[in-house]
């Protein structure tokens, strides 16, 4: 009897207009959702706020290209809020007149964004398209993400020489030769002071090689 009564109360709560959703708020780029998804979200209005399953909506929205994460909140019994985090392009690979853009996780996304310049990734003497070398490409993308999050100077391009040599070119002309993400991370504390203020009057500094042991090498000529 108690269970029957509880079930009845539960059903009344689900059907009651006292808990009906009156507003669906979307925070983020709505254009990524498309008409059918927007129509579905609008269809949540009138349903009981207790009847929707946030995790199912979040999982479905996260599958849409261009969306990194989706979070569903219920700030009140009448409002459902959906917060979208868009994937933003970080790097670009050019092939002829075509462009392929990637976010920091290596996901292919449209080449749109907030206008920030993208890091171009290219390969020296490629015998196979770089887009088909996923491990090399992902390492270069990860290098671009580490540089963005660690250093103040903007990165212009990454040249992939081979799996143990990547050449990073900054917008100010300085080049950094490194063996990959782990190599660059291990030399952050050494490299930062040099990039901040290099005071060498007798030679012209072209760049730095962070591959050598526990030190860094100053590059003084283009041939190096």
N, C-alpha and C. Protein backbone atom coordinates (compact mmCIF):
# COMPACT_ATOMS: atom_id res chain seq x y z
N UNK A 1 0.83 -1.20 0.00
CA UNK A 1 0.00 0.00 0.00
C UNK A 1 0.87 1.26 0.00
N UNK A 2 1.91 1.25 0.86
CA UNK A 2 2.80 2.43 0.91
C UNK A 2 3.49 2.65 -0.44
N UNK A 3 3.92 1.52 -1.05
CA UNK A 3 4.56 1.63 -2.35
C UNK A 3 3.62 2.16 -3.40
N UNK A 4 2.36 1.72 -3.36
CA UNK A 4 1.36 2.19 -4.32
C UNK A 4 1.13 3.68 -4.17
N UNK A 5 1.03 4.14 -2.91
CA UNK A 5 0.82 5.57 -2.65
C UNK A 5 2.02 6.39 -3.14
N UNK A 6 3.24 5.87 -2.83
CA UNK A 6 4.46 6.57 -3.24
C UNK A 6 4.53 6.68 -4.77
N UNK A 7 4.16 5.59 -5.44
CA UNK A 7 4.16 5.60 -6.91
C UNK A 7 3.17 6.62 -7.45
N UNK A 8 2.03 6.72 -6.79
CA UNK A 8 1.02 7.68 -7.22
C UNK A 8 1.51 9.11 -7.05
N UNK A 9 2.13 9.38 -5.90
CA UNK A 9 2.67 10.73 -5.65
C UNK A 9 3.77 11.06 -6.67
N UNK A 10 4.60 10.05 -6.94
CA UNK A 10 5.69 10.23 -7.91
C UNK A 10 5.12 10.60 -9.28
N UNK A 11 4.04 9.91 -9.69
CA UNK A 11 3.42 10.20 -10.98
C UNK A 11 2.81 11.59 -11.01
N UNK A 12 2.19 12.01 -9.92
CA UNK A 12 1.60 13.34 -9.85
C UNK A 12 2.67 14.42 -9.98
N UNK A 13 3.81 14.22 -9.31
CA UNK A 13 4.91 15.19 -9.37
C UNK A 13 5.42 15.34 -10.80
N UNK A 14 5.54 14.19 -11.50
CA UNK A 14 6.06 14.23 -12.87
C UNK A 14 5.10 14.94 -13.81
N UNK A 15 3.80 14.81 -13.56
CA UNK A 15 2.81 15.40 -14.47
C UNK A 15 2.37 16.80 -14.04
N UNK A 16 2.74 17.19 -12.85
CA UNK A 16 2.26 18.47 -12.32
C UNK A 16 2.89 19.65 -13.05
N UNK A 17 2.06 20.64 -13.39
CA UNK A 17 2.55 21.86 -14.03
C UNK A 17 3.34 22.73 -13.06
N UNK A 18 3.30 22.37 -11.78
CA UNK A 18 4.08 23.13 -10.80
C UNK A 18 5.58 22.99 -11.06
N UNK A 19 5.97 21.91 -11.72
CA UNK A 19 7.39 21.65 -11.99
C UNK A 19 7.69 21.64 -13.49
N UNK A 20 6.83 22.25 -14.28
CA UNK A 20 7.01 22.27 -15.73
C UNK A 20 8.13 23.23 -16.12
N UNK A 21 8.93 22.82 -17.09
CA UNK A 21 10.02 23.67 -17.61
C UNK A 21 9.40 24.77 -18.48
N UNK A 22 9.72 26.00 -18.14
CA UNK A 22 9.20 27.14 -18.89
C UNK A 22 10.25 27.80 -19.78
N UNK A 23 11.53 27.56 -19.46
CA UNK A 23 12.59 28.22 -20.22
C UNK A 23 13.78 27.29 -20.38
N UNK A 24 14.34 27.26 -21.60
CA UNK A 24 15.56 26.52 -21.88
C UNK A 24 16.61 27.54 -22.34
N UNK A 25 17.62 27.77 -21.50
CA UNK A 25 18.66 28.75 -21.80
C UNK A 25 19.90 28.04 -22.33
N UNK A 26 20.49 28.60 -23.39
CA UNK A 26 21.68 28.01 -24.00
C UNK A 26 22.82 29.02 -23.93
N UNK A 27 23.89 28.64 -23.27
CA UNK A 27 25.07 29.50 -23.16
C UNK A 27 26.17 28.92 -24.05
N UNK A 28 26.54 29.66 -25.07
CA UNK A 28 27.52 29.18 -26.03
C UNK A 28 27.05 29.43 -27.45
N UNK A 29 27.73 28.84 -28.40
CA UNK A 29 27.43 29.06 -29.82
C UNK A 29 26.28 28.16 -30.26
N UNK A 30 25.09 28.73 -30.40
CA UNK A 30 23.91 27.96 -30.79
C UNK A 30 24.02 27.43 -32.21
N UNK A 31 24.80 28.10 -33.05
CA UNK A 31 24.89 27.69 -34.46
C UNK A 31 25.49 26.29 -34.61
N UNK A 32 26.19 25.81 -33.60
CA UNK A 32 26.79 24.48 -33.67
C UNK A 32 25.73 23.38 -33.52
N UNK A 33 24.57 23.70 -32.98
CA UNK A 33 23.58 22.70 -32.65
C UNK A 33 22.76 22.24 -33.86
N UNK A 34 22.44 23.16 -34.75
CA UNK A 34 21.60 22.78 -35.88
C UNK A 34 20.12 22.85 -35.52
N UNK A 35 19.30 22.91 -36.55
CA UNK A 35 17.86 23.10 -36.36
C UNK A 35 17.18 21.98 -35.61
N UNK A 36 17.52 20.72 -35.91
CA UNK A 36 16.84 19.59 -35.27
C UNK A 36 17.14 19.52 -33.78
N UNK A 37 18.39 19.82 -33.40
CA UNK A 37 18.75 19.78 -31.98
C UNK A 37 18.07 20.92 -31.22
N UNK A 38 18.07 22.10 -31.83
CA UNK A 38 17.39 23.23 -31.20
C UNK A 38 15.90 22.94 -31.03
N UNK A 39 15.30 22.28 -32.03
CA UNK A 39 13.88 21.92 -31.94
C UNK A 39 13.65 20.96 -30.78
N UNK A 40 14.57 20.00 -30.61
CA UNK A 40 14.45 19.04 -29.51
C UNK A 40 14.54 19.75 -28.16
N UNK A 41 15.50 20.68 -28.04
CA UNK A 41 15.67 21.39 -26.77
C UNK A 41 14.46 22.26 -26.46
N UNK A 42 13.89 22.87 -27.50
CA UNK A 42 12.68 23.66 -27.28
C UNK A 42 11.53 22.77 -26.82
N UNK A 43 11.57 21.51 -27.26
CA UNK A 43 10.53 20.56 -26.89
C UNK A 43 10.55 20.16 -25.42
N UNK A 44 11.61 20.52 -24.71
CA UNK A 44 11.68 20.24 -23.28
C UNK A 44 10.71 21.10 -22.49
N UNK A 45 10.31 22.22 -23.07
CA UNK A 45 9.38 23.11 -22.38
C UNK A 45 8.05 22.39 -22.16
N UNK A 46 7.53 22.54 -20.97
CA UNK A 46 6.26 21.90 -20.63
C UNK A 46 6.44 20.59 -19.92
N UNK A 47 7.63 19.97 -20.07
CA UNK A 47 7.88 18.71 -19.37
C UNK A 47 8.29 19.00 -17.92
N UNK A 48 8.11 18.00 -17.07
CA UNK A 48 8.54 18.15 -15.69
C UNK A 48 10.06 18.22 -15.63
N UNK A 49 10.59 19.10 -14.81
CA UNK A 49 12.03 19.24 -14.67
C UNK A 49 12.65 17.98 -14.10
N UNK A 50 11.83 17.18 -13.41
CA UNK A 50 12.33 15.94 -12.82
C UNK A 50 12.35 14.80 -13.83
N UNK A 51 11.73 15.02 -14.99
CA UNK A 51 11.60 13.95 -15.98
C UNK A 51 12.78 13.88 -16.94
N UNK A 52 13.56 14.94 -17.05
CA UNK A 52 14.68 14.94 -18.00
C UNK A 52 15.92 14.35 -17.35
N UNK A 53 16.77 13.76 -18.17
CA UNK A 53 18.01 13.15 -17.70
C UNK A 53 19.19 13.96 -18.24
N UNK A 54 19.78 14.80 -17.41
CA UNK A 54 20.85 15.68 -17.87
C UNK A 54 22.00 14.94 -18.54
N UNK A 55 22.40 13.78 -17.99
CA UNK A 55 23.55 13.07 -18.53
C UNK A 55 23.30 12.58 -19.97
N UNK A 56 22.05 12.24 -20.29
CA UNK A 56 21.75 11.80 -21.65
C UNK A 56 21.84 12.96 -22.63
N UNK A 57 21.36 14.12 -22.22
CA UNK A 57 21.44 15.31 -23.08
C UNK A 57 22.89 15.72 -23.27
N UNK A 58 23.66 15.71 -22.19
CA UNK A 58 25.08 16.07 -22.27
C UNK A 58 25.84 15.14 -23.21
N UNK A 59 25.57 13.85 -23.11
CA UNK A 59 26.26 12.87 -23.95
C UNK A 59 25.92 13.08 -25.42
N UNK A 60 24.66 13.37 -25.71
CA UNK A 60 24.24 13.58 -27.09
C UNK A 60 24.85 14.85 -27.68
N UNK A 61 24.85 15.92 -26.89
CA UNK A 61 25.39 17.18 -27.38
C UNK A 61 26.90 17.10 -27.58
N UNK A 62 27.59 16.34 -26.74
CA UNK A 62 29.05 16.23 -26.85
C UNK A 62 29.49 15.50 -28.11
N UNK A 63 28.58 14.79 -28.75
CA UNK A 63 28.89 14.08 -29.99
C UNK A 63 28.83 14.98 -31.21
N UNK A 64 28.31 16.19 -31.05
CA UNK A 64 28.17 17.11 -32.18
C UNK A 64 29.53 17.71 -32.52
N UNK A 65 29.94 17.68 -33.80
CA UNK A 65 31.23 18.28 -34.19
C UNK A 65 31.29 19.76 -33.78
N UNK A 66 32.40 20.15 -33.22
CA UNK A 66 32.58 21.53 -32.80
C UNK A 66 32.29 21.77 -31.34
N UNK A 67 31.65 20.80 -30.67
CA UNK A 67 31.35 20.94 -29.24
C UNK A 67 32.31 20.07 -28.44
N UNK A 68 33.03 20.68 -27.53
CA UNK A 68 33.98 19.95 -26.69
C UNK A 68 33.29 19.33 -25.49
N UNK A 69 32.53 20.12 -24.76
CA UNK A 69 31.76 19.61 -23.62
C UNK A 69 30.40 20.30 -23.58
N UNK A 70 29.44 19.62 -22.97
CA UNK A 70 28.11 20.19 -22.75
C UNK A 70 27.69 19.87 -21.32
N UNK A 71 27.15 20.86 -20.64
CA UNK A 71 26.71 20.66 -19.26
C UNK A 71 25.28 21.15 -19.10
N UNK A 72 24.46 20.34 -18.46
CA UNK A 72 23.06 20.68 -18.25
C UNK A 72 22.85 21.00 -16.77
N UNK A 73 22.30 22.16 -16.50
CA UNK A 73 22.03 22.57 -15.13
C UNK A 73 20.54 22.89 -14.97
N UNK A 74 20.07 22.81 -13.72
CA UNK A 74 18.69 23.17 -13.40
C UNK A 74 18.71 24.24 -12.31
N UNK A 75 18.91 25.51 -12.70
CA UNK A 75 18.99 26.57 -11.70
C UNK A 75 17.69 26.77 -10.92
N UNK A 76 16.56 26.34 -11.50
CA UNK A 76 15.28 26.38 -10.79
C UNK A 76 14.39 25.29 -11.38
N UNK A 77 13.22 25.07 -10.76
CA UNK A 77 12.32 24.01 -11.23
C UNK A 77 11.69 24.36 -12.58
N UNK A 78 11.82 25.60 -13.01
CA UNK A 78 11.20 26.01 -14.27
C UNK A 78 12.23 26.31 -15.36
N UNK A 79 13.52 26.17 -15.05
CA UNK A 79 14.55 26.56 -16.01
C UNK A 79 15.59 25.44 -16.18
N UNK A 80 15.92 25.18 -17.42
CA UNK A 80 17.02 24.27 -17.75
C UNK A 80 18.07 25.10 -18.49
N UNK A 81 19.30 25.02 -18.03
CA UNK A 81 20.38 25.78 -18.64
C UNK A 81 21.40 24.82 -19.25
N UNK A 82 21.74 25.07 -20.49
CA UNK A 82 22.70 24.23 -21.20
C UNK A 82 23.94 25.07 -21.52
N UNK A 83 25.08 24.64 -21.03
CA UNK A 83 26.34 25.38 -21.21
C UNK A 83 27.23 24.60 -22.17
N UNK A 84 27.56 25.24 -23.29
CA UNK A 84 28.37 24.60 -24.32
C UNK A 84 29.79 25.17 -24.30
N UNK A 85 30.76 24.28 -24.42
CA UNK A 85 32.15 24.70 -24.60
C UNK A 85 32.57 24.30 -26.02
N UNK A 86 32.86 25.29 -26.84
CA UNK A 86 33.18 25.02 -28.22
C UNK A 86 34.63 24.57 -28.38
N UNK A 87 34.87 23.73 -29.37
CA UNK A 87 36.24 23.41 -29.76
C UNK A 87 36.78 24.56 -30.59
N UNK A 88 37.96 25.02 -30.24
CA UNK A 88 38.55 26.15 -30.96
C UNK A 88 39.79 25.69 -31.72
N UNK A 89 39.92 26.12 -32.97
CA UNK A 89 41.09 25.70 -33.76
C UNK A 89 42.39 26.26 -33.19
N UNK A 90 43.39 25.41 -33.14
CA UNK A 90 44.70 25.80 -32.64
C UNK A 90 45.75 25.72 -33.73
N UNK A 91 45.67 24.68 -34.56
CA UNK A 91 46.68 24.45 -35.58
C UNK A 91 46.02 24.18 -36.93
N UNK A 92 46.78 24.41 -37.99
CA UNK A 92 46.26 24.21 -39.35
C UNK A 92 47.32 23.51 -40.20
N UNK A 93 46.86 22.59 -41.04
CA UNK A 93 47.72 21.95 -42.03
C UNK A 93 47.21 22.36 -43.40
N UNK A 94 48.09 22.94 -44.20
CA UNK A 94 47.71 23.42 -45.53
C UNK A 94 48.17 22.43 -46.59
N UNK A 95 47.28 22.19 -47.56
CA UNK A 95 47.61 21.34 -48.70
C UNK A 95 47.04 22.00 -49.93
N UNK A 96 47.94 22.65 -50.69
CA UNK A 96 47.47 23.44 -51.82
C UNK A 96 46.63 24.60 -51.33
N UNK A 97 45.40 24.67 -51.80
CA UNK A 97 44.49 25.73 -51.39
C UNK A 97 43.54 25.29 -50.29
N UNK A 98 43.68 24.06 -49.85
CA UNK A 98 42.78 23.55 -48.80
C UNK A 98 43.43 23.66 -47.43
N UNK A 99 42.59 23.81 -46.41
CA UNK A 99 43.05 23.96 -45.03
C UNK A 99 42.32 22.94 -44.16
N UNK A 100 43.06 22.28 -43.27
CA UNK A 100 42.48 21.39 -42.28
C UNK A 100 42.88 21.87 -40.90
N UNK A 101 41.89 22.19 -40.07
CA UNK A 101 42.18 22.75 -38.75
C UNK A 101 41.91 21.73 -37.65
N UNK A 102 42.67 21.86 -36.57
CA UNK A 102 42.58 20.94 -35.44
C UNK A 102 42.52 21.73 -34.14
N UNK A 103 41.82 21.16 -33.15
CA UNK A 103 41.85 21.77 -31.83
C UNK A 103 43.00 21.14 -31.05
N UNK A 104 43.14 21.47 -29.77
CA UNK A 104 44.29 21.03 -28.99
C UNK A 104 44.30 19.52 -28.75
N UNK A 105 43.16 18.86 -28.94
CA UNK A 105 43.08 17.42 -28.77
C UNK A 105 43.29 16.66 -30.08
N UNK A 106 43.53 17.41 -31.16
CA UNK A 106 43.73 16.78 -32.46
C UNK A 106 42.45 16.45 -33.19
N UNK A 107 41.33 17.01 -32.74
CA UNK A 107 40.05 16.78 -33.40
C UNK A 107 39.91 17.74 -34.57
N UNK A 108 39.54 17.21 -35.72
CA UNK A 108 39.34 18.04 -36.92
C UNK A 108 38.07 18.86 -36.76
N UNK A 109 38.20 20.17 -36.91
CA UNK A 109 37.05 21.06 -36.76
C UNK A 109 37.09 22.12 -37.86
N UNK A 110 35.98 22.84 -38.08
CA UNK A 110 35.98 23.91 -39.07
C UNK A 110 37.00 24.99 -38.71
N UNK A 111 37.55 25.64 -39.73
CA UNK A 111 38.57 26.68 -39.51
C UNK A 111 37.91 28.00 -39.17
N UNK A 112 37.29 28.06 -38.01
CA UNK A 112 36.69 29.30 -37.53
C UNK A 112 37.28 29.57 -36.15
N UNK A 113 37.00 30.72 -35.62
CA UNK A 113 37.52 31.01 -34.28
C UNK A 113 37.38 32.48 -33.95
N UNK A 114 38.14 32.90 -32.94
CA UNK A 114 38.05 34.28 -32.46
C UNK A 114 39.03 35.20 -33.17
N UNK A 115 39.60 34.74 -34.28
CA UNK A 115 40.53 35.58 -35.03
C UNK A 115 41.98 35.40 -34.65
N UNK A 116 42.26 34.60 -33.61
CA UNK A 116 43.64 34.37 -33.20
C UNK A 116 44.37 33.59 -34.30
N UNK A 117 45.61 33.97 -34.62
CA UNK A 117 46.36 33.26 -35.67
C UNK A 117 46.60 31.80 -35.30
N UNK A 118 46.47 30.92 -36.27
CA UNK A 118 46.67 29.50 -36.04
C UNK A 118 48.12 29.12 -36.28
N UNK A 119 48.57 28.09 -35.59
CA UNK A 119 49.92 27.57 -35.78
C UNK A 119 49.91 26.64 -36.99
N UNK A 120 50.74 26.96 -37.98
CA UNK A 120 50.81 26.11 -39.16
C UNK A 120 51.77 24.95 -38.90
N UNK A 121 51.32 23.75 -39.20
CA UNK A 121 52.15 22.56 -39.06
C UNK A 121 52.49 22.04 -40.45
N UNK A 122 53.77 21.87 -40.72
CA UNK A 122 54.18 21.37 -42.02
C UNK A 122 55.34 20.41 -41.85
N UNK A 123 55.63 19.67 -42.92
CA UNK A 123 56.67 18.65 -42.85
C UNK A 123 57.72 18.89 -43.92
N UNK A 124 58.97 18.62 -43.58
CA UNK A 124 60.07 18.78 -44.52
C UNK A 124 60.21 17.52 -45.38
N UNK A 125 60.25 17.71 -46.67
CA UNK A 125 60.46 16.62 -47.62
C UNK A 125 59.53 15.45 -47.34
N UNK A 126 58.24 15.72 -47.35
CA UNK A 126 57.26 14.69 -47.03
C UNK A 126 57.08 13.71 -48.19
N UNK A 127 57.17 12.42 -47.90
CA UNK A 127 56.90 11.39 -48.89
C UNK A 127 55.47 10.88 -48.77
N UNK A 128 54.84 11.21 -47.65
CA UNK A 128 53.46 10.82 -47.38
C UNK A 128 52.76 12.02 -46.76
N UNK A 129 51.49 12.28 -47.12
CA UNK A 129 50.79 13.43 -46.55
C UNK A 129 50.83 13.43 -45.03
N UNK A 130 51.12 14.60 -44.45
CA UNK A 130 51.20 14.72 -42.99
C UNK A 130 49.89 14.34 -42.33
N UNK A 131 48.77 14.58 -43.01
CA UNK A 131 47.47 14.26 -42.43
C UNK A 131 47.29 12.76 -42.22
N UNK A 132 48.10 11.96 -42.89
CA UNK A 132 48.00 10.50 -42.72
C UNK A 132 48.95 9.99 -41.63
N UNK A 133 49.80 10.85 -41.11
CA UNK A 133 50.74 10.46 -40.05
C UNK A 133 50.21 10.97 -38.71
N UNK A 134 49.24 10.26 -38.17
CA UNK A 134 48.50 10.77 -37.03
C UNK A 134 49.37 10.98 -35.79
N UNK A 135 50.33 10.08 -35.55
CA UNK A 135 51.15 10.23 -34.34
C UNK A 135 52.04 11.45 -34.43
N UNK A 136 52.68 11.66 -35.58
CA UNK A 136 53.53 12.85 -35.77
C UNK A 136 52.69 14.11 -35.69
N UNK A 137 51.54 14.08 -36.33
CA UNK A 137 50.66 15.25 -36.34
C UNK A 137 50.18 15.57 -34.94
N UNK A 138 49.79 14.54 -34.17
CA UNK A 138 49.31 14.76 -32.81
C UNK A 138 50.41 15.31 -31.91
N UNK A 139 51.65 14.85 -32.11
CA UNK A 139 52.77 15.36 -31.32
C UNK A 139 52.98 16.85 -31.60
N UNK A 140 52.89 17.22 -32.87
CA UNK A 140 53.05 18.64 -33.24
C UNK A 140 51.92 19.49 -32.66
N UNK A 141 50.69 18.98 -32.70
CA UNK A 141 49.55 19.71 -32.12
C UNK A 141 49.72 19.86 -30.62
N UNK A 142 50.19 18.81 -29.96
CA UNK A 142 50.43 18.88 -28.51
C UNK A 142 51.53 19.89 -28.20
N UNK A 143 52.55 19.97 -29.05
CA UNK A 143 53.60 20.97 -28.87
C UNK A 143 53.02 22.39 -28.94
N UNK A 144 52.12 22.60 -29.89
CA UNK A 144 51.49 23.92 -30.04
C UNK A 144 50.67 24.26 -28.79
N UNK A 145 49.97 23.26 -28.22
CA UNK A 145 49.17 23.50 -27.02
C UNK A 145 50.05 23.79 -25.81
N UNK A 146 51.14 23.03 -25.66
CA UNK A 146 52.07 23.27 -24.55
C UNK A 146 52.68 24.66 -24.65
N UNK A 147 53.08 25.04 -25.87
CA UNK A 147 53.68 26.37 -26.05
C UNK A 147 52.69 27.47 -25.68
N UNK A 148 51.47 27.34 -26.16
CA UNK A 148 50.43 28.35 -25.87
C UNK A 148 50.19 28.50 -24.38
N UNK A 149 50.17 27.39 -23.66
CA UNK A 149 49.85 27.42 -22.23
C UNK A 149 51.05 27.77 -21.35
N UNK A 150 52.27 27.77 -21.92
CA UNK A 150 53.47 27.92 -21.10
C UNK A 150 54.24 29.20 -21.37
N UNK A 151 54.28 29.61 -22.63
CA UNK A 151 55.11 30.76 -23.01
C UNK A 151 54.25 31.93 -23.47
N UNK A 152 54.81 33.13 -23.33
CA UNK A 152 54.09 34.34 -23.70
C UNK A 152 54.25 34.70 -25.17
N UNK A 153 55.38 34.34 -25.77
CA UNK A 153 55.63 34.69 -27.15
C UNK A 153 54.81 33.82 -28.10
N UNK A 154 54.14 34.42 -29.07
CA UNK A 154 53.28 33.63 -29.97
C UNK A 154 54.08 32.75 -30.92
N UNK A 155 53.55 31.56 -31.14
CA UNK A 155 54.16 30.57 -32.03
C UNK A 155 53.55 30.70 -33.42
N UNK A 156 54.39 30.68 -34.45
CA UNK A 156 53.91 30.85 -35.82
C UNK A 156 53.75 29.52 -36.55
N UNK A 157 54.76 28.66 -36.48
CA UNK A 157 54.67 27.39 -37.19
C UNK A 157 55.53 26.32 -36.53
N UNK A 158 55.21 25.07 -36.83
CA UNK A 158 55.99 23.93 -36.39
C UNK A 158 56.35 23.11 -37.62
N UNK A 159 57.64 22.91 -37.81
CA UNK A 159 58.09 22.08 -38.92
C UNK A 159 58.47 20.70 -38.38
N UNK A 160 57.84 19.68 -38.92
CA UNK A 160 58.12 18.31 -38.51
C UNK A 160 59.24 17.77 -39.41
N UNK A 161 60.42 17.57 -38.82
CA UNK A 161 61.55 17.04 -39.57
C UNK A 161 61.50 15.51 -39.55
N UNK A 162 61.40 14.95 -38.35
CA UNK A 162 61.14 13.53 -38.17
C UNK A 162 60.61 13.34 -36.76
N UNK A 163 60.42 12.09 -36.33
CA UNK A 163 59.74 11.84 -35.06
C UNK A 163 60.50 12.33 -33.84
N UNK A 164 61.79 12.66 -34.00
CA UNK A 164 62.58 13.14 -32.85
C UNK A 164 63.08 14.57 -33.04
N UNK A 165 62.59 15.25 -34.06
CA UNK A 165 63.02 16.63 -34.29
C UNK A 165 61.88 17.47 -34.82
N UNK A 166 61.53 18.48 -34.03
CA UNK A 166 60.50 19.45 -34.40
C UNK A 166 61.12 20.84 -34.29
N UNK A 167 60.88 21.68 -35.30
CA UNK A 167 61.41 23.05 -35.29
C UNK A 167 60.24 24.01 -35.12
N UNK A 168 60.26 24.73 -34.00
CA UNK A 168 59.22 25.71 -33.70
C UNK A 168 59.72 27.09 -34.11
N UNK A 169 58.94 27.81 -34.90
CA UNK A 169 59.30 29.17 -35.32
C UNK A 169 58.32 30.15 -34.68
N UNK A 170 58.88 31.11 -33.94
CA UNK A 170 58.06 32.11 -33.28
C UNK A 170 57.79 33.27 -34.23
N UNK A 171 56.80 34.08 -33.90
CA UNK A 171 56.46 35.21 -34.76
C UNK A 171 57.56 36.26 -34.78
N UNK A 172 58.43 36.27 -33.76
CA UNK A 172 59.52 37.24 -33.74
C UNK A 172 60.77 36.74 -34.47
N UNK A 173 60.67 35.55 -35.11
CA UNK A 173 61.78 35.03 -35.89
C UNK A 173 62.65 34.01 -35.19
N UNK A 174 62.54 33.90 -33.86
CA UNK A 174 63.34 32.93 -33.11
C UNK A 174 62.85 31.51 -33.43
N UNK A 175 63.81 30.56 -33.53
CA UNK A 175 63.44 29.17 -33.75
C UNK A 175 63.86 28.33 -32.54
N UNK A 176 63.07 27.29 -32.26
CA UNK A 176 63.35 26.38 -31.16
C UNK A 176 63.40 24.96 -31.73
N UNK A 177 64.53 24.29 -31.58
CA UNK A 177 64.64 22.90 -32.02
C UNK A 177 64.43 21.99 -30.81
N UNK A 178 63.48 21.07 -30.90
CA UNK A 178 63.22 20.19 -29.77
C UNK A 178 62.86 18.80 -30.25
N UNK A 179 62.88 17.86 -29.32
CA UNK A 179 62.61 16.47 -29.65
C UNK A 179 61.18 16.04 -29.40
N UNK A 180 60.32 16.98 -29.06
CA UNK A 180 58.93 16.66 -28.80
C UNK A 180 58.42 17.30 -27.52
N UNK A 181 57.22 16.92 -27.11
CA UNK A 181 56.56 17.54 -25.97
C UNK A 181 57.34 17.36 -24.68
N UNK A 182 57.77 16.14 -24.39
CA UNK A 182 58.48 15.89 -23.14
C UNK A 182 59.79 16.66 -23.08
N UNK A 183 60.48 16.73 -24.21
CA UNK A 183 61.73 17.49 -24.28
C UNK A 183 61.49 18.98 -24.00
N UNK A 184 60.45 19.54 -24.62
CA UNK A 184 60.15 20.96 -24.42
C UNK A 184 59.76 21.24 -22.97
N UNK A 185 58.92 20.38 -22.39
CA UNK A 185 58.48 20.59 -21.01
C UNK A 185 59.66 20.55 -20.04
N UNK A 186 60.63 19.68 -20.32
CA UNK A 186 61.77 19.55 -19.42
C UNK A 186 62.70 20.76 -19.44
N UNK A 187 62.58 21.60 -20.48
CA UNK A 187 63.48 22.75 -20.62
C UNK A 187 62.79 24.10 -20.40
N UNK A 188 61.56 24.06 -19.91
CA UNK A 188 60.81 25.31 -19.73
C UNK A 188 61.55 26.29 -18.83
N UNK A 189 62.01 25.82 -17.67
CA UNK A 189 62.67 26.72 -16.71
C UNK A 189 63.97 27.31 -17.25
N UNK A 190 64.65 26.57 -18.12
CA UNK A 190 65.88 27.09 -18.73
C UNK A 190 65.59 28.05 -19.87
N UNK A 191 64.57 27.72 -20.65
CA UNK A 191 64.29 28.48 -21.86
C UNK A 191 63.60 29.81 -21.60
N UNK A 192 62.72 29.86 -20.62
CA UNK A 192 61.95 31.08 -20.36
C UNK A 192 62.82 32.32 -20.14
N UNK A 193 63.85 32.26 -19.27
CA UNK A 193 64.66 33.45 -19.05
C UNK A 193 65.34 33.95 -20.33
N UNK A 194 65.80 33.03 -21.18
CA UNK A 194 66.45 33.44 -22.41
C UNK A 194 65.47 34.12 -23.36
N UNK A 195 64.27 33.60 -23.43
CA UNK A 195 63.27 34.20 -24.31
C UNK A 195 62.82 35.56 -23.79
N UNK A 196 62.86 35.71 -22.46
CA UNK A 196 62.42 36.97 -21.87
C UNK A 196 63.40 38.10 -22.17
N UNK A 197 64.69 37.82 -22.03
CA UNK A 197 65.69 38.84 -22.34
C UNK A 197 67.03 38.18 -22.64
N UNK A 198 67.35 38.11 -23.91
CA UNK A 198 68.63 37.57 -24.34
C UNK A 198 69.61 38.73 -24.49
N UNK A 199 70.66 38.76 -23.64
CA UNK A 199 71.62 39.87 -23.65
C UNK A 199 72.98 39.35 -24.07
N UNK A 200 73.12 39.10 -25.35
CA UNK A 200 74.40 38.66 -25.90
C UNK A 200 74.76 39.64 -27.02
N UNK A 201 75.76 40.44 -26.81
CA UNK A 201 76.09 41.51 -27.77
C UNK A 201 77.06 41.08 -28.85
N UNK A 202 77.84 40.04 -28.57
CA UNK A 202 78.89 39.68 -29.52
C UNK A 202 78.41 38.75 -30.62
N UNK A 203 77.23 38.12 -30.45
CA UNK A 203 76.73 37.22 -31.47
C UNK A 203 75.26 37.51 -31.75
N UNK A 204 74.81 37.06 -32.89
CA UNK A 204 73.40 37.21 -33.25
C UNK A 204 72.67 35.92 -32.90
N UNK A 205 71.65 36.02 -32.10
CA UNK A 205 70.91 34.84 -31.66
C UNK A 205 69.79 34.55 -32.65
N UNK A 206 69.87 33.37 -33.26
CA UNK A 206 68.84 32.95 -34.20
C UNK A 206 67.77 32.13 -33.50
N UNK A 207 68.22 31.29 -32.55
CA UNK A 207 67.26 30.44 -31.86
C UNK A 207 67.93 29.59 -30.79
N UNK A 208 67.23 28.54 -30.38
CA UNK A 208 67.72 27.68 -29.31
C UNK A 208 67.44 26.22 -29.65
N UNK A 209 68.36 25.34 -29.23
CA UNK A 209 68.18 23.90 -29.37
C UNK A 209 68.10 23.32 -27.96
N UNK A 210 66.96 22.77 -27.60
CA UNK A 210 66.76 22.28 -26.24
C UNK A 210 66.97 20.77 -26.13
N UNK A 211 67.52 20.16 -27.18
CA UNK A 211 67.66 18.70 -27.20
C UNK A 211 68.87 18.20 -26.41
N UNK A 212 69.88 19.06 -26.20
CA UNK A 212 71.17 18.60 -25.67
C UNK A 212 71.13 18.41 -24.15
N UNK A 213 71.12 17.16 -23.70
CA UNK A 213 71.24 16.85 -22.28
C UNK A 213 70.36 17.69 -21.39
N UNK A 214 70.97 18.25 -20.34
CA UNK A 214 70.24 19.09 -19.39
C UNK A 214 70.38 20.57 -19.71
N UNK A 215 71.05 20.90 -20.81
CA UNK A 215 71.31 22.29 -21.17
C UNK A 215 70.52 22.69 -22.40
N UNK A 216 70.73 23.93 -22.82
CA UNK A 216 70.19 24.39 -24.10
C UNK A 216 71.35 24.96 -24.91
N UNK A 217 71.22 24.91 -26.22
CA UNK A 217 72.25 25.41 -27.12
C UNK A 217 71.73 26.64 -27.83
N UNK A 218 72.54 27.69 -27.85
CA UNK A 218 72.16 28.91 -28.56
C UNK A 218 72.56 28.75 -30.02
N UNK A 219 71.61 28.97 -30.93
CA UNK A 219 71.87 28.87 -32.36
C UNK A 219 72.23 30.26 -32.88
N UNK A 220 73.39 30.37 -33.53
CA UNK A 220 73.89 31.68 -33.94
C UNK A 220 73.86 31.90 -35.44
N UNK A 221 73.55 30.88 -36.24
CA UNK A 221 73.53 31.04 -37.68
C UNK A 221 72.46 30.18 -38.32
N UNK A 222 71.98 30.60 -39.49
CA UNK A 222 70.93 29.89 -40.18
C UNK A 222 71.35 28.45 -40.52
N UNK A 223 72.64 28.24 -40.78
CA UNK A 223 73.13 26.91 -41.15
C UNK A 223 73.03 25.93 -39.99
N UNK A 224 72.97 26.44 -38.77
CA UNK A 224 72.88 25.58 -37.59
C UNK A 224 71.47 25.02 -37.40
